[in-house]
Amino acid sequence: MAKHFFTANQYEFEERNVAENKEYRDELLNMGYRSTPIILIDDKPFVGFNPSLINKELNNIRSFEGAGEVEEKEFFNNKRFKQMQ
């Protein structure tokens, strides 16, 4: 859902799949999160996918700085994530 949202709205983003990359998983855990998606916009975390809040933040960035970069950390199965810890 988040990936489709960013692509459809032509936002630049980086997807980090914590189920496939231990470094990304460790980074997420060190930030204090145990579930996904966590979406970082200019280092501001958004827990879960809430398009209206994300769009509001991105529009604020665009109005002041241009497009901005979105970094998305997402994975697809919480049960699997818990088992990998």
N, C-alpha and C. Protein backbone atom coordinates (compact mmCIF):
# COMPACT_ATOMS: atom_id res chain seq x y z
N MET A 1 0.81 -1.18 0.00
CA MET A 1 0.00 0.00 0.00
C MET A 1 0.86 1.26 0.00
N ALA A 2 1.84 1.32 0.91
CA ALA A 2 2.69 2.51 0.99
C ALA A 2 3.50 2.67 -0.29
N LYS A 3 4.07 1.58 -0.76
CA LYS A 3 4.88 1.63 -1.98
C LYS A 3 4.05 2.14 -3.16
N HIS A 4 2.84 1.63 -3.28
CA HIS A 4 1.96 2.07 -4.35
C HIS A 4 1.62 3.57 -4.20
N PHE A 5 1.35 4.00 -2.97
CA PHE A 5 1.04 5.41 -2.70
C PHE A 5 2.18 6.32 -3.15
N PHE A 6 3.42 5.99 -2.78
CA PHE A 6 4.56 6.85 -3.13
C PHE A 6 4.80 6.85 -4.64
N THR A 7 4.67 5.70 -5.26
CA THR A 7 4.87 5.60 -6.71
C THR A 7 3.78 6.37 -7.45
N ALA A 8 2.53 6.16 -7.06
CA ALA A 8 1.40 6.82 -7.73
C ALA A 8 1.46 8.33 -7.59
N ASN A 9 2.00 8.81 -6.47
CA ASN A 9 2.10 10.26 -6.25
C ASN A 9 3.45 10.83 -6.63
N GLN A 10 4.28 10.00 -7.26
CA GLN A 10 5.59 10.39 -7.78
C GLN A 10 6.52 10.94 -6.70
N TYR A 11 6.46 10.32 -5.51
CA TYR A 11 7.39 10.66 -4.44
C TYR A 11 8.60 9.74 -4.55
N GLU A 12 9.76 10.29 -4.36
CA GLU A 12 10.99 9.50 -4.34
C GLU A 12 11.07 8.80 -2.99
N PHE A 13 11.40 7.51 -2.99
CA PHE A 13 11.48 6.78 -1.73
C PHE A 13 12.49 5.65 -1.83
N GLU A 14 12.90 5.17 -0.68
CA GLU A 14 13.76 3.99 -0.59
C GLU A 14 13.03 2.97 0.25
N GLU A 15 12.81 1.80 -0.29
CA GLU A 15 12.17 0.73 0.47
C GLU A 15 13.24 -0.11 1.14
N ARG A 16 13.05 -0.39 2.42
CA ARG A 16 13.97 -1.24 3.17
C ARG A 16 13.17 -2.40 3.75
N ASN A 17 13.42 -3.57 3.23
CA ASN A 17 12.67 -4.75 3.64
C ASN A 17 13.41 -5.44 4.79
N VAL A 18 12.87 -5.34 5.99
CA VAL A 18 13.55 -5.89 7.16
C VAL A 18 13.47 -7.40 7.23
N ALA A 19 12.59 -8.02 6.48
CA ALA A 19 12.51 -9.48 6.44
C ALA A 19 13.65 -10.07 5.62
N GLU A 20 14.24 -9.26 4.77
CA GLU A 20 15.30 -9.75 3.88
C GLU A 20 16.68 -9.23 4.25
N ASN A 21 16.77 -8.23 5.13
CA ASN A 21 18.06 -7.61 5.42
C ASN A 21 18.20 -7.40 6.92
N LYS A 22 19.15 -8.13 7.52
CA LYS A 22 19.37 -8.08 8.97
C LYS A 22 19.77 -6.68 9.43
N GLU A 23 20.58 -5.97 8.67
CA GLU A 23 21.00 -4.62 9.06
C GLU A 23 19.79 -3.68 9.16
N TYR A 24 18.87 -3.79 8.21
CA TYR A 24 17.66 -2.96 8.25
C TYR A 24 16.80 -3.33 9.46
N ARG A 25 16.69 -4.63 9.72
CA ARG A 25 15.91 -5.10 10.87
C ARG A 25 16.51 -4.58 12.17
N ASP A 26 17.84 -4.68 12.30
CA ASP A 26 18.52 -4.18 13.50
C ASP A 26 18.33 -2.67 13.66
N GLU A 27 18.40 -1.95 12.56
CA GLU A 27 18.19 -0.50 12.60
C GLU A 27 16.78 -0.17 13.11
N LEU A 28 15.80 -0.91 12.61
CA LEU A 28 14.42 -0.70 13.04
C LEU A 28 14.27 -1.00 14.54
N LEU A 29 14.85 -2.09 15.00
CA LEU A 29 14.77 -2.45 16.42
C LEU A 29 15.49 -1.42 17.28
N ASN A 30 16.63 -0.92 16.83
CA ASN A 30 17.37 0.10 17.58
C ASN A 30 16.60 1.42 17.68
N MET A 31 15.70 1.64 16.73
CA MET A 31 14.86 2.83 16.78
C MET A 31 13.69 2.63 17.75
N GLY A 32 13.53 1.39 18.24
CA GLY A 32 12.47 1.09 19.19
C GLY A 32 11.18 0.55 18.58
N TYR A 33 11.22 0.18 17.31
CA TYR A 33 10.03 -0.32 16.63
C TYR A 33 10.13 -1.83 16.43
N ARG A 34 8.98 -2.50 16.56
CA ARG A 34 8.92 -3.94 16.40
C ARG A 34 7.90 -4.36 15.35
N SER A 35 7.29 -3.39 14.69
CA SER A 35 6.33 -3.69 13.64
C SER A 35 6.54 -2.71 12.49
N THR A 36 5.95 -3.02 11.38
CA THR A 36 6.10 -2.20 10.19
C THR A 36 4.73 -1.97 9.56
N PRO A 37 4.59 -1.02 8.67
CA PRO A 37 5.64 -0.17 8.15
C PRO A 37 5.96 1.00 9.09
N ILE A 38 7.20 1.40 9.05
CA ILE A 38 7.66 2.65 9.65
C ILE A 38 8.12 3.50 8.47
N ILE A 39 7.58 4.67 8.35
CA ILE A 39 7.93 5.55 7.23
C ILE A 39 8.63 6.77 7.82
N LEU A 40 9.84 7.03 7.35
CA LEU A 40 10.61 8.18 7.82
C LEU A 40 10.57 9.26 6.75
N ILE A 41 10.17 10.44 7.16
CA ILE A 41 10.20 11.59 6.27
C ILE A 41 11.04 12.64 6.97
N ASP A 42 12.21 12.93 6.40
CA ASP A 42 13.17 13.84 7.05
C ASP A 42 13.39 13.44 8.51
N ASP A 43 13.59 12.14 8.74
CA ASP A 43 13.85 11.56 10.07
C ASP A 43 12.65 11.62 11.01
N LYS A 44 11.50 12.03 10.54
CA LYS A 44 10.27 12.03 11.36
C LYS A 44 9.54 10.72 11.09
N PRO A 45 9.35 9.89 12.14
CA PRO A 45 8.72 8.58 11.92
C PRO A 45 7.19 8.66 11.86
N PHE A 46 6.63 7.86 10.97
CA PHE A 46 5.20 7.65 10.88
C PHE A 46 4.98 6.15 11.05
N VAL A 47 4.28 5.77 12.11
CA VAL A 47 4.05 4.35 12.41
C VAL A 47 2.77 3.92 11.72
N GLY A 48 2.88 2.89 10.89
CA GLY A 48 1.74 2.44 10.11
C GLY A 48 1.58 3.29 8.87
N PHE A 49 0.63 2.93 8.05
CA PHE A 49 0.41 3.65 6.80
C PHE A 49 -0.84 4.49 6.93
N ASN A 50 -0.65 5.80 7.03
CA ASN A 50 -1.75 6.75 7.12
C ASN A 50 -1.56 7.78 6.00
N PRO A 51 -2.17 7.55 4.84
CA PRO A 51 -1.93 8.41 3.69
C PRO A 51 -2.20 9.89 3.94
N SER A 52 -3.23 10.21 4.72
CA SER A 52 -3.55 11.63 4.91
C SER A 52 -2.46 12.33 5.72
N LEU A 53 -1.94 11.69 6.78
CA LEU A 53 -0.85 12.30 7.55
C LEU A 53 0.43 12.40 6.75
N ILE A 54 0.72 11.36 5.99
CA ILE A 54 1.94 11.34 5.17
C ILE A 54 1.85 12.40 4.09
N ASN A 55 0.71 12.48 3.44
CA ASN A 55 0.52 13.49 2.39
C ASN A 55 0.65 14.89 2.95
N LYS A 56 0.08 15.13 4.12
CA LYS A 56 0.18 16.44 4.75
C LYS A 56 1.64 16.81 5.01
N GLU A 57 2.41 15.87 5.55
CA GLU A 57 3.83 16.12 5.83
C GLU A 57 4.60 16.38 4.54
N LEU A 58 4.35 15.57 3.52
CA LEU A 58 5.06 15.75 2.25
C LEU A 58 4.68 17.06 1.57
N ASN A 59 3.44 17.47 1.67
CA ASN A 59 3.03 18.75 1.10
C ASN A 59 3.69 19.91 1.84
N ASN A 60 3.85 19.79 3.15
CA ASN A 60 4.56 20.81 3.92
C ASN A 60 6.01 20.92 3.45
N ILE A 61 6.64 19.79 3.24
CA ILE A 61 8.03 19.77 2.77
C ILE A 61 8.12 20.40 1.39
N ARG A 62 7.23 20.01 0.50
CA ARG A 62 7.25 20.56 -0.86
C ARG A 62 7.07 22.07 -0.85
N SER A 63 6.21 22.56 0.00
CA SER A 63 5.95 24.00 0.00
C SER A 63 7.14 24.79 0.51
N PHE A 64 8.00 24.17 1.33
CA PHE A 64 9.16 24.88 1.88
C PHE A 64 10.47 24.52 1.21
N GLU A 65 10.64 23.26 0.81
CA GLU A 65 11.96 22.80 0.36
C GLU A 65 11.97 22.14 -1.01
N GLY A 66 10.89 21.90 -1.63
CA GLY A 66 10.87 21.10 -2.84
C GLY A 66 10.36 19.71 -2.51
N ALA A 67 10.67 18.75 -3.33
CA ALA A 67 10.06 17.43 -3.22
C ALA A 67 10.44 16.67 -1.95
N GLY A 68 11.68 16.75 -1.49
CA GLY A 68 12.09 15.97 -0.33
C GLY A 68 12.22 14.50 -0.68
N GLU A 69 12.87 13.76 0.18
CA GLU A 69 13.05 12.33 -0.05
C GLU A 69 12.31 11.57 1.03
N VAL A 70 11.67 10.50 0.65
CA VAL A 70 10.92 9.66 1.57
C VAL A 70 11.67 8.35 1.72
N GLU A 71 11.87 7.94 2.94
CA GLU A 71 12.51 6.66 3.19
C GLU A 71 11.48 5.75 3.83
N GLU A 72 11.21 4.65 3.20
CA GLU A 72 10.17 3.75 3.68
C GLU A 72 10.82 2.46 4.17
N LYS A 73 10.44 2.03 5.37
CA LYS A 73 10.85 0.73 5.87
C LYS A 73 9.59 -0.10 5.96
N GLU A 74 9.58 -1.18 5.23
CA GLU A 74 8.35 -1.95 5.17
C GLU A 74 8.70 -3.43 5.12
N PHE A 75 7.86 -4.24 5.71
CA PHE A 75 7.98 -5.67 5.52
C PHE A 75 6.61 -6.28 5.53
N PHE A 76 6.52 -7.55 5.20
CA PHE A 76 5.23 -8.09 4.81
C PHE A 76 4.62 -9.10 5.77
N ASN A 77 5.32 -9.51 6.82
CA ASN A 77 4.77 -10.54 7.68
C ASN A 77 5.30 -10.37 9.10
N ASN A 78 4.50 -9.82 10.00
CA ASN A 78 4.94 -9.58 11.38
C ASN A 78 5.33 -10.86 12.09
N LYS A 79 4.61 -11.94 11.87
CA LYS A 79 4.93 -13.21 12.51
C LYS A 79 6.33 -13.65 12.14
N ARG A 80 6.65 -13.55 10.87
CA ARG A 80 7.99 -13.93 10.42
C ARG A 80 9.04 -13.03 11.05
N PHE A 81 8.76 -11.73 11.15
CA PHE A 81 9.69 -10.79 11.74
C PHE A 81 9.97 -11.16 13.19
N LYS A 82 8.97 -11.48 13.97
CA LYS A 82 9.15 -11.85 15.37
C LYS A 82 9.98 -13.13 15.49
N GLN A 83 9.79 -14.06 14.59
CA GLN A 83 10.54 -15.32 14.64
C GLN A 83 12.01 -15.11 14.30
N MET A 84 12.33 -14.07 13.53
CA MET A 84 13.71 -13.85 13.09
C MET A 84 14.54 -13.17 14.16
N GLN A 85 13.95 -12.61 15.20
CA GLN A 85 14.69 -11.86 16.21
C GLN A 85 15.53 -12.77 17.07
